[in-house]
Amino acid sequence: MSDFLFAQPSLFSGFGRCLDIGGTFDGYNTSPSPELADSRALAADFTATGSDMLSALKKFAAGRE
């Protein structure tokens, strides 16, 4: 699964969220258009899927030796 569209908080932003009653620290990755956001997310998903497939194929090939 891709985490492209999710926020990547740091330790300090996590501490700040404890004190953020109004929810002003919520921030997410944005794109200029919905189409661009979809294409970026789709590309990230294909990359993650390809990485998982490659890992599975390597494990399978190692088991056959």
Protein backbone atom coordinates (compact mmCIF):
# COMPACT_ATOMS: atom_id res chain seq x y z
CA MET A 1 0.00 0.00 0.00
CA SER A 2 1.23 3.43 -0.85
CA ASP A 3 1.33 6.26 1.70
CA PHE A 4 1.70 8.98 -0.91
CA LEU A 5 -1.43 10.93 0.03
CA PHE A 6 -0.92 10.67 3.79
CA ALA A 7 0.88 13.13 6.03
CA GLN A 8 4.34 12.22 7.34
CA PRO A 9 4.46 13.77 10.84
CA SER A 10 7.65 14.29 12.82
CA LEU A 11 8.26 13.93 16.55
CA PHE A 12 7.81 17.66 17.11
CA SER A 13 4.61 17.87 15.08
CA GLY A 14 3.29 14.90 17.08
CA PHE A 15 4.02 16.77 20.30
CA GLY A 16 2.35 19.87 18.90
CA ARG A 17 -0.74 17.86 18.00
CA CYS A 18 -1.18 17.04 21.69
CA LEU A 19 -1.68 20.75 22.33
CA ASP A 20 -3.64 21.46 19.12
CA ILE A 21 -7.25 21.60 20.23
CA GLY A 22 -8.60 23.20 17.03
CA GLY A 23 -6.97 20.73 14.63
CA THR A 24 -4.92 23.37 12.81
CA PHE A 25 -1.85 21.12 12.41
CA ASP A 26 -3.60 18.64 10.11
CA GLY A 27 -1.80 18.73 6.79
CA TYR A 28 -1.83 16.37 3.84
CA ASN A 29 0.01 16.07 0.57
CA THR A 30 -1.77 18.18 -2.00
CA SER A 31 -1.81 18.35 -5.78
CA PRO A 32 -2.88 21.12 -8.15
CA SER A 33 -5.69 18.97 -9.60
CA PRO A 34 -7.57 15.80 -8.74
CA GLU A 35 -6.32 14.17 -11.94
CA LEU A 36 -2.69 14.80 -11.00
CA ALA A 37 -3.31 13.47 -7.49
CA ASP A 38 -4.86 10.30 -8.94
CA SER A 39 -2.01 9.76 -11.39
CA ARG A 40 0.61 10.25 -8.67
CA ALA A 41 -1.20 7.88 -6.31
CA LEU A 42 -1.64 5.30 -9.08
CA ALA A 43 2.06 5.49 -9.97
CA ALA A 44 2.99 5.06 -6.30
CA ASP A 45 0.65 2.07 -6.04
CA PHE A 46 2.18 0.44 -9.14
CA THR A 47 5.65 1.00 -7.71
CA ALA A 48 4.66 -0.59 -4.39
CA THR A 49 3.01 -3.53 -6.17
CA GLY A 50 6.07 -4.05 -8.37
CA SER A 51 8.33 -3.99 -5.33
CA ASP A 52 6.17 -6.59 -3.57
CA MET A 53 6.14 -8.81 -6.67
CA LEU A 54 9.92 -8.59 -7.01
CA SER A 55 10.37 -9.50 -3.35
CA ALA A 56 8.03 -12.50 -3.70
CA LEU A 57 9.78 -13.69 -6.86
CA LYS A 58 13.19 -13.47 -5.18
CA LYS A 59 11.92 -15.49 -2.21
CA PHE A 60 10.39 -18.05 -4.54
CA ALA A 61 13.59 -18.34 -6.59
CA ALA A 62 15.70 -18.68 -3.42
CA GLY A 63 13.47 -21.54 -2.24
CA ARG A 64 14.00 -23.50 -5.46
CA GLU A 65 17.79 -23.54 -5.19
